[in-house]
Protein backbone atom coordinates (compact mmCIF):
# COMPACT_ATOMS: atom_id res chain seq x y z
CA MET A 1 34.13 -71.44 -14.76
CA ALA A 2 36.24 -68.46 -13.78
CA ASP A 3 35.15 -66.34 -10.83
CA ASN A 4 36.37 -62.94 -11.96
CA ILE A 5 36.20 -60.66 -14.91
CA THR A 6 38.98 -58.42 -16.12
CA VAL A 7 37.95 -55.06 -17.71
CA GLU A 8 40.33 -52.92 -19.71
CA PHE A 9 39.47 -49.35 -20.67
CA THR A 10 41.07 -46.56 -22.65
CA ILE A 11 39.77 -42.95 -22.28
CA GLU A 12 40.31 -40.36 -24.94
CA PRO A 13 41.52 -37.87 -25.90
CA PHE A 14 44.98 -39.31 -25.35
CA VAL A 15 47.30 -36.85 -23.52
CA ASP A 16 51.06 -37.59 -23.25
CA GLY A 17 52.38 -36.90 -19.69
CA ALA A 18 50.44 -36.43 -16.56
CA LEU A 19 47.05 -38.27 -16.29
CA PRO A 20 44.18 -35.97 -17.26
CA ALA A 21 41.18 -35.51 -14.85
CA TYR A 22 38.98 -37.84 -16.83
CA VAL A 23 41.46 -40.75 -16.18
CA THR A 24 42.08 -39.91 -12.54
CA ALA A 25 38.32 -39.51 -11.77
CA ALA A 26 37.61 -42.89 -13.33
CA VAL A 27 40.36 -44.51 -11.23
CA GLU A 28 39.06 -42.76 -8.07
CA ALA A 29 35.53 -44.01 -8.83
CA LEU A 30 36.77 -47.55 -8.96
CA GLU A 31 38.83 -47.12 -5.72
CA ALA A 32 35.72 -45.78 -3.97
CA MET A 33 34.14 -49.10 -4.78
CA GLY A 34 37.07 -50.97 -3.34
CA ILE A 35 38.41 -51.99 -6.80
CA THR A 36 42.12 -51.62 -7.58
CA ALA A 37 42.85 -50.12 -11.01
CA VAL A 38 46.16 -50.70 -12.78
CA VAL A 39 47.06 -47.74 -14.93
CA GLY A 40 49.24 -48.40 -17.92
CA PRO A 41 50.67 -46.19 -20.65
CA PHE A 42 47.72 -46.54 -23.05
CA GLY A 43 44.90 -47.86 -20.81
CA THR A 44 43.72 -48.97 -17.42
CA ALA A 45 42.49 -52.32 -16.12
CA PHE A 46 40.72 -53.80 -13.14
CA THR A 47 39.56 -57.23 -12.11
CA ALA A 48 36.27 -57.73 -10.18
CA ALA A 49 33.57 -60.19 -9.37
CA PRO A 50 30.91 -60.44 -11.95
CA ALA A 51 28.36 -58.62 -9.80
CA GLN A 52 30.67 -55.66 -9.55
CA VAL A 53 31.47 -55.29 -13.15
CA GLY A 54 28.34 -53.56 -14.34
CA PRO A 55 28.34 -50.90 -11.54
CA ALA A 56 32.14 -50.49 -11.96
CA VAL A 57 31.90 -49.81 -15.68
CA SER A 58 29.02 -47.40 -15.12
CA ALA A 59 31.13 -45.59 -12.57
CA VAL A 60 34.09 -45.40 -14.98
CA LEU A 61 31.90 -44.03 -17.83
CA SER A 62 30.18 -41.48 -15.63
CA ALA A 63 33.43 -40.18 -14.10
CA ALA A 64 35.23 -40.04 -17.38
CA TYR A 65 32.52 -38.22 -19.36
CA ALA A 66 31.83 -35.88 -16.46
CA ASN A 67 35.54 -34.79 -16.50
CA GLY A 68 35.90 -34.23 -20.29
CA ALA A 69 36.44 -37.57 -21.97
CA THR A 70 35.38 -37.72 -25.57
CA HIS A 71 35.46 -41.51 -26.05
CA VAL A 72 35.87 -44.60 -23.80
CA SER A 73 36.73 -48.03 -25.16
CA ILE A 74 36.05 -51.02 -22.95
CA ASP A 75 37.10 -54.62 -23.32
CA SER A 76 36.29 -57.47 -20.87
CA GLY A 77 36.87 -61.10 -20.44
CA ARG A 78 36.60 -63.86 -17.86
CA ILE A 79 39.81 -65.05 -16.11
């Protein structure tokens, strides 16, 4: 069985250009937990131990919505 889980998330509304505050806040929330986020052109991903995933997703949602997000899509899977 795999040891880690990868989580991918997309935060809306989509804005072309510089990252909006709701994305940077979500990334900063992960970094504060010691989790590295990989920001792509249409979404962001991180890999974490199973025990970290729930708190990390909660932190992403809280930070995103507190900074103006209207929708957050999350997909995860074991690696």
